[in-house]
N, C-alpha and C. Protein backbone atom coordinates (compact mmCIF):
# COMPACT_ATOMS: atom_id res chain seq x y z
N MET A 1 28.35 21.58 47.60
CA MET A 1 28.14 21.36 46.49
C MET A 1 26.66 20.47 46.63
N ARG A 2 25.79 21.05 45.96
CA ARG A 2 24.15 19.92 45.35
C ARG A 2 24.42 18.61 44.34
N ASN A 3 24.18 17.99 44.49
CA ASN A 3 23.88 16.65 43.57
C ASN A 3 22.29 16.90 42.78
N ILE A 4 22.58 17.30 41.36
CA ILE A 4 21.72 17.44 40.35
C ILE A 4 20.70 16.43 40.47
N LEU A 5 21.69 14.70 39.80
CA LEU A 5 20.65 13.61 40.24
C LEU A 5 20.72 12.93 41.04
N PRO A 6 19.60 12.11 41.85
CA PRO A 6 19.52 11.23 42.86
C PRO A 6 20.64 10.47 42.54
N ASP A 7 21.09 9.85 44.14
CA ASP A 7 21.78 8.46 44.13
C ASP A 7 21.19 7.45 43.17
N THR A 8 20.31 7.15 43.56
CA THR A 8 19.21 6.01 42.89
C THR A 8 18.53 6.79 41.83
N PHE A 9 17.95 5.59 40.85
CA PHE A 9 17.08 5.82 40.04
C PHE A 9 15.55 4.95 39.87
N HIS A 10 15.29 4.91 40.95
CA HIS A 10 13.92 4.43 41.66
C HIS A 10 13.07 5.47 41.20
N GLY A 11 12.16 5.51 40.55
CA GLY A 11 11.19 6.26 40.83
C GLY A 11 11.30 7.20 39.37
N VAL A 12 12.23 7.13 38.83
CA VAL A 12 12.54 7.78 37.54
C VAL A 12 12.00 7.59 36.44
N LYS A 13 10.81 8.42 35.75
CA LYS A 13 10.17 7.70 34.54
C LYS A 13 11.41 7.97 33.35
N VAL A 14 11.13 6.35 32.80
CA VAL A 14 12.16 6.52 31.98
C VAL A 14 10.82 6.46 30.48
N HIS A 15 11.32 7.32 29.48
CA HIS A 15 10.31 7.13 28.32
C HIS A 15 11.23 6.90 26.94
N THR A 16 9.90 5.79 26.24
CA THR A 16 11.13 4.70 25.17
C THR A 16 10.51 5.63 24.14
N THR A 17 11.57 5.75 23.41
CA THR A 17 10.49 5.77 21.62
C THR A 17 11.62 4.90 20.22
N ASP A 18 10.34 4.90 19.28
CA ASP A 18 10.93 3.52 18.79
C ASP A 18 11.27 4.97 17.45
N PHE A 19 12.54 5.12 17.60
CA PHE A 19 13.30 6.36 16.26
C PHE A 19 13.50 5.53 15.26
N CYS A 20 13.88 4.01 14.94
CA CYS A 20 14.00 3.72 14.02
C CYS A 20 13.13 2.88 13.03
N GLY A 21 12.03 3.00 13.83
CA GLY A 21 10.75 2.66 12.82
C GLY A 21 10.69 0.98 13.02
N HIS A 22 10.49 -0.24 12.08
CA HIS A 22 11.13 -1.23 12.14
C HIS A 22 12.19 -1.51 11.47
N PRO A 23 12.94 -2.43 12.58
CA PRO A 23 14.07 -3.31 11.30
C PRO A 23 13.97 -3.84 10.02
N PRO A 24 15.04 -3.52 9.49
CA PRO A 24 14.91 -4.65 7.39
C PRO A 24 14.02 -5.57 7.60
N TRP A 25 14.70 -6.30 8.60
CA TRP A 25 14.30 -8.09 8.59
C TRP A 25 12.94 -8.14 8.55
N MET A 26 12.18 -7.43 9.31
CA MET A 26 10.90 -7.46 9.88
C MET A 26 9.62 -7.22 8.17
N GLU A 27 10.25 -6.70 7.81
CA GLU A 27 9.76 -6.26 6.22
C GLU A 27 9.57 -6.70 5.69
N ASN A 28 8.26 -7.30 4.34
CA ASN A 28 8.25 -8.26 3.74
C ASN A 28 8.66 -7.88 2.38
N SER A 29 9.26 -8.96 1.94
CA SER A 29 9.53 -8.80 0.27
C SER A 29 8.29 -8.65 -0.53
N ILE A 30 8.71 -7.82 -1.88
CA ILE A 30 7.25 -7.40 -2.54
C ILE A 30 7.74 -7.95 -4.04
N SER A 31 6.61 -8.47 -4.28
CA SER A 31 6.81 -9.09 -5.58
C SER A 31 5.44 -8.34 -6.46
N TYR A 32 5.55 -8.36 -7.84
CA TYR A 32 4.26 -8.33 -8.27
C TYR A 32 4.36 -9.24 -9.74
N ILE A 33 3.53 -9.24 -10.28
CA ILE A 33 3.08 -9.83 -11.68
C ILE A 33 2.81 -8.25 -12.67
N ASN A 34 3.15 -8.22 -13.76
CA ASN A 34 2.43 -7.40 -14.94
C ASN A 34 2.38 -8.10 -15.86
N PRO A 35 1.13 -8.54 -16.23
CA PRO A 35 0.92 -8.83 -17.60
C PRO A 35 0.91 -8.40 -18.78
N PHE A 36 1.08 -6.65 -18.13
CA PHE A 36 1.00 -5.70 -19.40
C PHE A 36 2.33 -5.05 -19.34
N GLY A 37 3.38 -5.96 -18.97
CA GLY A 37 4.69 -4.93 -19.26
C GLY A 37 5.27 -5.32 -20.80
N ASN A 38 4.74 -6.07 -21.58
CA ASN A 38 5.48 -5.52 -22.80
C ASN A 38 4.69 -4.55 -23.99
N PHE A 39 3.20 -4.19 -23.68
CA PHE A 39 2.16 -3.06 -24.11
C PHE A 39 2.23 -1.90 -23.49
N THR A 40 2.39 -1.06 -23.98
CA THR A 40 1.92 0.44 -23.91
C THR A 40 0.72 0.77 -24.11
N LYS A 41 0.41 1.50 -23.26
CA LYS A 41 -1.14 1.85 -23.58
C LYS A 41 -1.97 2.99 -24.70
N SER A 42 -0.45 3.61 -25.63
CA SER A 42 -1.45 4.27 -26.74
C SER A 42 -1.00 3.52 -27.88
N ASP A 43 -0.08 1.91 -27.66
CA ASP A 43 -0.04 1.25 -28.93
C ASP A 43 -0.98 -0.08 -29.08
N SER A 44 -1.68 0.14 -28.00
CA SER A 44 -2.20 -1.57 -27.89
C SER A 44 -3.62 -0.92 -27.57
N ASN A 45 -4.57 -2.39 -28.84
CA ASN A 45 -6.05 -2.07 -28.65
C ASN A 45 -6.66 -2.66 -27.28
N ASN A 46 -7.55 -2.03 -27.17
CA ASN A 46 -7.92 -2.85 -26.28
C ASN A 46 -9.00 -3.57 -25.97
N SER A 47 -9.07 -4.77 -27.05
CA SER A 47 -9.41 -5.74 -26.58
C SER A 47 -8.52 -6.71 -26.15
N VAL A 48 -7.46 -6.51 -27.18
CA VAL A 48 -5.71 -7.09 -27.12
C VAL A 48 -5.73 -6.92 -25.26
N LEU A 49 -5.86 -5.97 -24.16
CA LEU A 49 -5.60 -5.99 -23.44
C LEU A 49 -6.85 -6.62 -21.99
N ILE A 50 -8.01 -6.52 -22.78
CA ILE A 50 -8.94 -6.62 -22.12
C ILE A 50 -8.95 -8.43 -21.89
N SER A 51 -8.59 -9.07 -23.32
CA SER A 51 -7.82 -10.31 -23.57
C SER A 51 -6.77 -10.85 -22.39
N LEU A 52 -6.09 -10.18 -22.67
CA LEU A 52 -5.04 -10.21 -21.39
C LEU A 52 -5.62 -10.29 -19.69
N PHE A 53 -6.07 -9.46 -19.90
CA PHE A 53 -6.74 -9.20 -18.14
C PHE A 53 -7.74 -10.79 -18.33
N ASN A 54 -8.29 -10.76 -18.68
CA ASN A 54 -9.46 -11.95 -18.92
C ASN A 54 -8.30 -13.18 -18.81
N GLN A 55 -7.50 -13.62 -19.03
CA GLN A 55 -6.45 -14.70 -18.76
C GLN A 55 -5.92 -14.65 -17.69
N HIS A 56 -5.68 -13.44 -17.25
CA HIS A 56 -5.10 -13.39 -15.99
C HIS A 56 -6.41 -13.34 -14.65
N ARG A 57 -6.95 -13.32 -15.25
CA ARG A 57 -8.43 -13.30 -13.90
C ARG A 57 -8.48 -14.76 -14.31
N GLN A 58 -8.74 -15.52 -15.66
CA GLN A 58 -8.57 -17.30 -14.94
C GLN A 58 -7.87 -17.96 -14.87
N PHE A 59 -6.42 -17.90 -14.39
CA PHE A 59 -5.02 -17.98 -14.07
C PHE A 59 -5.35 -18.02 -12.74
N TYR A 60 -6.27 -17.15 -12.15
CA TYR A 60 -5.65 -16.26 -10.71
C TYR A 60 -7.29 -16.40 -10.04
N GLN A 61 -8.59 -16.75 -10.79
CA GLN A 61 -9.84 -17.03 -10.70
C GLN A 61 -10.03 -17.65 -9.02
N SER A 62 -9.23 -18.64 -8.32
CA SER A 62 -9.02 -19.26 -6.72
C SER A 62 -9.16 -17.32 -6.03
N TYR A 63 -8.73 -16.45 -6.33
CA TYR A 63 -8.18 -15.15 -5.83
C TYR A 63 -9.38 -14.31 -5.46
N GLN A 64 -9.33 -13.73 -4.44
CA GLN A 64 -10.82 -12.97 -4.50
C GLN A 64 -9.93 -11.64 -5.27
N PRO A 65 -10.08 -11.24 -5.91
CA PRO A 65 -9.90 -10.06 -6.85
C PRO A 65 -10.06 -8.43 -6.36
N VAL A 66 -9.05 -7.46 -5.66
CA VAL A 66 -9.33 -6.38 -4.88
C VAL A 66 -8.73 -5.78 -5.90
N PHE A 67 -9.21 -4.49 -6.14
CA PHE A 67 -9.03 -3.20 -7.52
C PHE A 67 -8.77 -2.01 -6.34
N THR A 68 -7.82 -1.58 -6.82
CA THR A 68 -7.27 -0.10 -6.09
C THR A 68 -7.05 1.00 -6.59
N ASP A 69 -7.63 2.48 -5.85
CA ASP A 69 -7.22 3.29 -7.30
C ASP A 69 -7.27 4.82 -5.98
N GLY A 70 -6.74 5.59 -6.77
CA GLY A 70 -6.55 7.22 -5.82
C GLY A 70 -6.42 8.05 -6.70
N SER A 71 -7.39 9.34 -6.98
CA SER A 71 -7.01 9.81 -7.89
C SER A 71 -6.97 11.34 -6.67
N LYS A 72 -6.83 12.51 -7.49
CA LYS A 72 -7.04 14.15 -7.50
C LYS A 72 -7.42 14.84 -8.25
N SER A 73 -8.43 15.84 -7.76
CA SER A 73 -8.94 16.86 -8.85
C SER A 73 -8.84 17.87 -8.22
N LEU A 74 -9.03 19.68 -8.66
CA LEU A 74 -8.50 20.50 -8.37
C LEU A 74 -8.83 20.63 -6.50
N ASN A 75 -9.94 20.45 -6.17
CA ASN A 75 -9.99 20.50 -4.94
C ASN A 75 -10.36 19.27 -3.92
N HIS A 76 -10.36 18.13 -4.53
CA HIS A 76 -10.66 16.94 -4.01
C HIS A 76 -9.56 15.68 -4.66
N VAL A 77 -9.39 14.73 -2.98
CA VAL A 77 -8.26 13.82 -2.82
C VAL A 77 -9.02 12.60 -2.19
N GLY A 78 -9.10 11.56 -3.34
CA GLY A 78 -9.84 10.66 -2.73
C GLY A 78 -9.01 9.01 -3.21
N CYS A 79 -9.02 7.73 -2.21
CA CYS A 79 -8.85 6.73 -3.04
C CYS A 79 -10.36 6.00 -2.68
N ALA A 80 -10.12 4.57 -2.63
CA ALA A 80 -10.52 3.70 -2.85
C ALA A 80 -10.39 1.88 -3.37
N PHE A 81 -10.88 1.21 -2.53
CA PHE A 81 -11.23 -0.19 -3.37
C PHE A 81 -12.18 -0.72 -3.48
N PHE A 82 -12.45 -1.75 -4.40
CA PHE A 82 -13.30 -2.74 -4.61
C PHE A 82 -12.98 -4.06 -4.71
N THR A 83 -14.26 -4.69 -4.04
CA THR A 83 -13.69 -5.91 -3.45
C THR A 83 -15.27 -6.69 -3.12
N ASN A 84 -15.47 -7.86 -4.29
CA ASN A 84 -16.91 -8.58 -3.72
C ASN A 84 -18.10 -7.57 -4.06
N GLY A 85 -18.45 -7.30 -4.57
CA GLY A 85 -19.56 -6.51 -5.00
C GLY A 85 -19.59 -5.44 -4.06
N HIS A 86 -18.51 -4.55 -3.16
CA HIS A 86 -18.20 -3.47 -2.39
C HIS A 86 -17.12 -3.15 -2.76
N ILE A 87 -17.63 -0.91 -2.84
CA ILE A 87 -16.60 -0.11 -3.55
C ILE A 87 -16.39 0.75 -1.06
N ILE A 88 -15.38 0.39 -1.51
CA ILE A 88 -15.51 1.84 0.12
C ILE A 88 -14.35 2.62 -0.58
N SER A 89 -14.77 3.59 0.19
CA SER A 89 -13.69 4.69 -0.53
C SER A 89 -13.45 5.68 0.84
N TYR A 90 -12.36 6.50 0.69
CA TYR A 90 -12.36 7.82 1.28
C TYR A 90 -12.07 9.23 1.10
N LYS A 91 -12.00 9.77 1.64
CA LYS A 91 -11.87 11.14 1.46
C LYS A 91 -10.67 11.66 1.99
N LEU A 92 -9.45 12.30 1.06
CA LEU A 92 -8.18 12.58 1.68
C LEU A 92 -7.92 14.20 2.00
N HIS A 93 -7.24 14.79 2.45
CA HIS A 93 -6.71 15.93 2.79
C HIS A 93 -6.35 16.56 1.28
N SER A 94 -6.88 17.73 0.95
CA SER A 94 -6.71 18.40 -0.42
C SER A 94 -5.01 18.27 -0.61
N PHE A 95 -4.31 18.27 0.26
CA PHE A 95 -2.85 18.51 0.08
C PHE A 95 -2.11 16.72 -0.30
N THR A 96 -3.01 16.06 -0.25
CA THR A 96 -2.54 14.78 -0.33
C THR A 96 -1.84 14.69 -1.80
N SER A 97 -0.70 14.05 -1.98
CA SER A 97 -0.33 14.00 -3.46
C SER A 97 -1.50 12.47 -4.29
N VAL A 98 -1.22 12.41 -5.53
CA VAL A 98 -2.02 11.09 -6.18
C VAL A 98 -0.81 10.07 -5.57
N PHE A 99 0.18 10.20 -5.53
CA PHE A 99 0.90 9.03 -5.01
C PHE A 99 0.39 8.32 -3.91
N SER A 100 0.51 9.70 -3.29
CA SER A 100 0.23 9.08 -1.50
C SER A 100 -1.57 8.23 -1.40
N SER A 101 -2.25 9.19 -2.28
CA SER A 101 -3.67 7.99 -2.48
C SER A 101 -3.52 7.05 -2.89
N GLU A 102 -2.48 6.56 -3.85
CA GLU A 102 -2.61 5.28 -4.47
C GLU A 102 -2.17 4.39 -3.37
N ILE A 103 -1.18 4.88 -2.72
CA ILE A 103 -0.64 4.08 -1.44
C ILE A 103 -1.48 4.27 -0.28
N THR A 104 -2.39 4.97 -0.26
CA THR A 104 -3.55 4.92 0.88
C THR A 104 -4.69 3.29 0.55
N ALA A 105 -4.63 3.71 -0.70
CA ALA A 105 -6.06 2.70 -1.26
C ALA A 105 -5.40 1.60 -1.45
N VAL A 106 -4.32 0.90 -1.57
CA VAL A 106 -3.73 -0.22 -1.09
C VAL A 106 -3.61 -0.17 0.39
N TYR A 107 -3.26 0.73 1.28
CA TYR A 107 -3.32 1.00 2.75
C TYR A 107 -4.83 -0.11 3.42
N PHE A 108 -5.36 0.90 2.48
CA PHE A 108 -6.94 0.56 3.20
C PHE A 108 -7.18 -1.38 2.93
N ALA A 109 -6.78 -1.40 1.45
CA ALA A 109 -7.10 -2.69 0.72
C ALA A 109 -7.03 -3.76 1.49
N LEU A 110 -5.23 -3.82 2.19
CA LEU A 110 -4.64 -4.41 2.88
C LEU A 110 -5.18 -4.90 4.14
N LYS A 111 -5.93 -4.08 4.94
CA LYS A 111 -5.97 -3.82 6.15
C LYS A 111 -7.66 -4.24 5.69
N TYR A 112 -8.50 -4.66 4.63
CA TYR A 112 -8.96 -4.60 4.71
C TYR A 112 -9.48 -6.46 4.44
N ILE A 113 -8.45 -7.17 3.79
CA ILE A 113 -8.07 -8.12 3.38
C ILE A 113 -7.68 -8.85 4.99
N ASP A 114 -7.36 -8.51 5.36
CA ASP A 114 -6.32 -8.65 6.79
C ASP A 114 -7.45 -9.29 7.56
N GLU A 115 -8.57 -8.04 8.23
CA GLU A 115 -9.11 -7.43 8.80
C GLU A 115 -10.52 -9.23 8.34
N HIS A 116 -11.08 -9.00 7.16
CA HIS A 116 -11.57 -10.18 6.96
C HIS A 116 -10.90 -11.61 6.43
N GLU A 117 -10.07 -11.77 6.85
CA GLU A 117 -9.08 -13.02 6.89
C GLU A 117 -9.44 -13.38 5.33
N ILE A 118 -9.32 -12.76 4.61
CA ILE A 118 -9.31 -12.96 2.95
C ILE A 118 -8.07 -14.00 2.80
N ARG A 119 -7.49 -15.36 2.94
CA ARG A 119 -6.15 -15.99 2.25
C ARG A 119 -5.65 -15.78 1.26
N LYS A 120 -6.76 -15.46 0.33
CA LYS A 120 -6.02 -15.45 -1.28
C LYS A 120 -6.84 -14.46 -1.99
N SER A 121 -5.79 -14.16 -1.73
CA SER A 121 -6.70 -12.42 -2.72
C SER A 121 -5.70 -12.27 -3.91
N ILE A 122 -6.09 -11.27 -4.69
CA ILE A 122 -4.85 -10.82 -5.57
C ILE A 122 -5.86 -9.34 -5.69
N LEU A 123 -4.07 -8.65 -5.77
CA LEU A 123 -4.57 -7.10 -5.52
C LEU A 123 -4.30 -6.22 -6.84
N TYR A 124 -4.55 -5.55 -7.46
CA TYR A 124 -4.69 -5.14 -8.88
C TYR A 124 -4.51 -3.24 -8.71
N THR A 125 -3.63 -2.53 -8.91
CA THR A 125 -3.11 -1.08 -8.71
C THR A 125 -2.91 -0.91 -10.45
N ASP A 126 -2.82 0.29 -10.49
CA ASP A 126 -2.99 1.14 -12.03
C ASP A 126 -1.30 1.68 -11.85
N SER A 127 -0.88 2.02 -10.25
CA SER A 127 0.44 2.89 -10.04
C SER A 127 1.53 2.23 -10.13
N MET A 128 2.33 2.30 -11.49
CA MET A 128 3.48 1.54 -11.67
C MET A 128 4.90 1.90 -10.24
N SER A 129 4.25 3.51 -10.11
CA SER A 129 5.50 3.98 -9.01
C SER A 129 5.18 3.43 -7.66
N LEU A 130 3.77 3.30 -7.57
CA LEU A 130 3.79 2.44 -6.27
C LEU A 130 4.51 1.16 -6.19
N LEU A 131 4.57 0.76 -7.16
CA LEU A 131 4.54 -0.81 -7.15
C LEU A 131 6.68 -0.93 -7.25
N GLU A 132 6.88 0.05 -7.88
CA GLU A 132 8.33 -0.01 -7.92
C GLU A 132 8.90 0.35 -6.51
N SER A 133 8.24 1.22 -6.01
CA SER A 133 8.32 1.80 -4.44
C SER A 133 8.47 0.87 -3.43
N LEU A 134 7.44 -0.28 -3.66
CA LEU A 134 7.12 -0.91 -2.34
C LEU A 134 7.98 -1.97 -2.47
N ARG A 135 8.50 -2.25 -3.79
CA ARG A 135 9.99 -3.11 -4.31
C ARG A 135 11.40 -2.64 -3.26
N SER A 136 11.27 -1.55 -3.44
CA SER A 136 12.81 -0.61 -3.11
C SER A 136 13.35 -0.72 -1.94
N SER A 137 14.53 -0.85 -1.73
CA SER A 137 14.10 -1.22 0.14
C SER A 137 15.07 0.35 0.40
N SER A 138 14.73 1.43 -0.30
CA SER A 138 15.87 2.45 -0.57
C SER A 138 14.89 3.38 0.23
N THR A 139 13.48 3.20 0.18
CA THR A 139 12.13 3.86 0.41
C THR A 139 12.26 4.56 1.83
N ARG A 140 11.71 5.75 1.53
CA ARG A 140 11.72 6.17 2.81
C ARG A 140 10.27 7.16 3.35
N ASN A 141 9.50 6.92 2.41
CA ASN A 141 8.20 6.96 2.73
C ASN A 141 7.30 6.30 3.85
N PRO A 142 6.68 6.70 4.39
CA PRO A 142 6.85 5.58 6.05
C PRO A 142 5.01 5.19 5.56
N LEU A 143 4.84 5.41 4.82
CA LEU A 143 3.04 4.82 4.19
C LEU A 143 3.43 3.59 3.10
N ILE A 144 4.86 3.89 2.57
CA ILE A 144 5.73 2.73 2.16
C ILE A 144 5.74 1.42 3.03
N LYS A 145 6.21 2.21 4.46
CA LYS A 145 6.78 1.07 4.92
C LYS A 145 5.77 0.45 5.75
N GLU A 146 4.58 1.20 6.56
CA GLU A 146 3.13 0.37 6.47
C GLU A 146 2.74 -0.82 6.10
N VAL A 147 2.71 -0.26 4.84
CA VAL A 147 1.97 -1.38 3.76
C VAL A 147 3.33 -2.40 3.51
N ARG A 148 4.38 -2.29 3.70
CA ARG A 148 5.45 -3.57 3.61
C ARG A 148 5.15 -3.96 4.85
N LEU A 149 4.46 -3.64 5.83
CA LEU A 149 4.16 -4.65 7.32
C LEU A 149 2.63 -5.14 7.62
N LEU A 150 2.30 -4.87 6.32
CA LEU A 150 1.05 -5.58 6.57
C LEU A 150 0.67 -7.09 6.12
């Protein structure tokens, strides 16, 4: 009878894989401020919403604002963020969902904040579903998990 495995495992290459992703205790907790929580877009006067936003910006004036957005049309999908007078935009694959474009915009904005060592920033998004997904501990979306790690 012939041995299939060698008597010693010297020289055997072991390949590791990260099948679990990041452990839950490594993920950041997410919270957000929604100054418009008591208002609906259709029932609110634009001047009231603008005034609310201006009050919010006044309160957080020492924070650098970063605005994100993702969008999808018939043949195009993209995302962008705006900060400090600069628009940084990305073209995404046409199969990308609106939700994925929104989270991708936030991902790139957070990478920018990190790379430019902006210590006091405030991120603005119009995607409530994105905010709820970021706050949820049960999401399986890999993009959401990546954003939590930033």
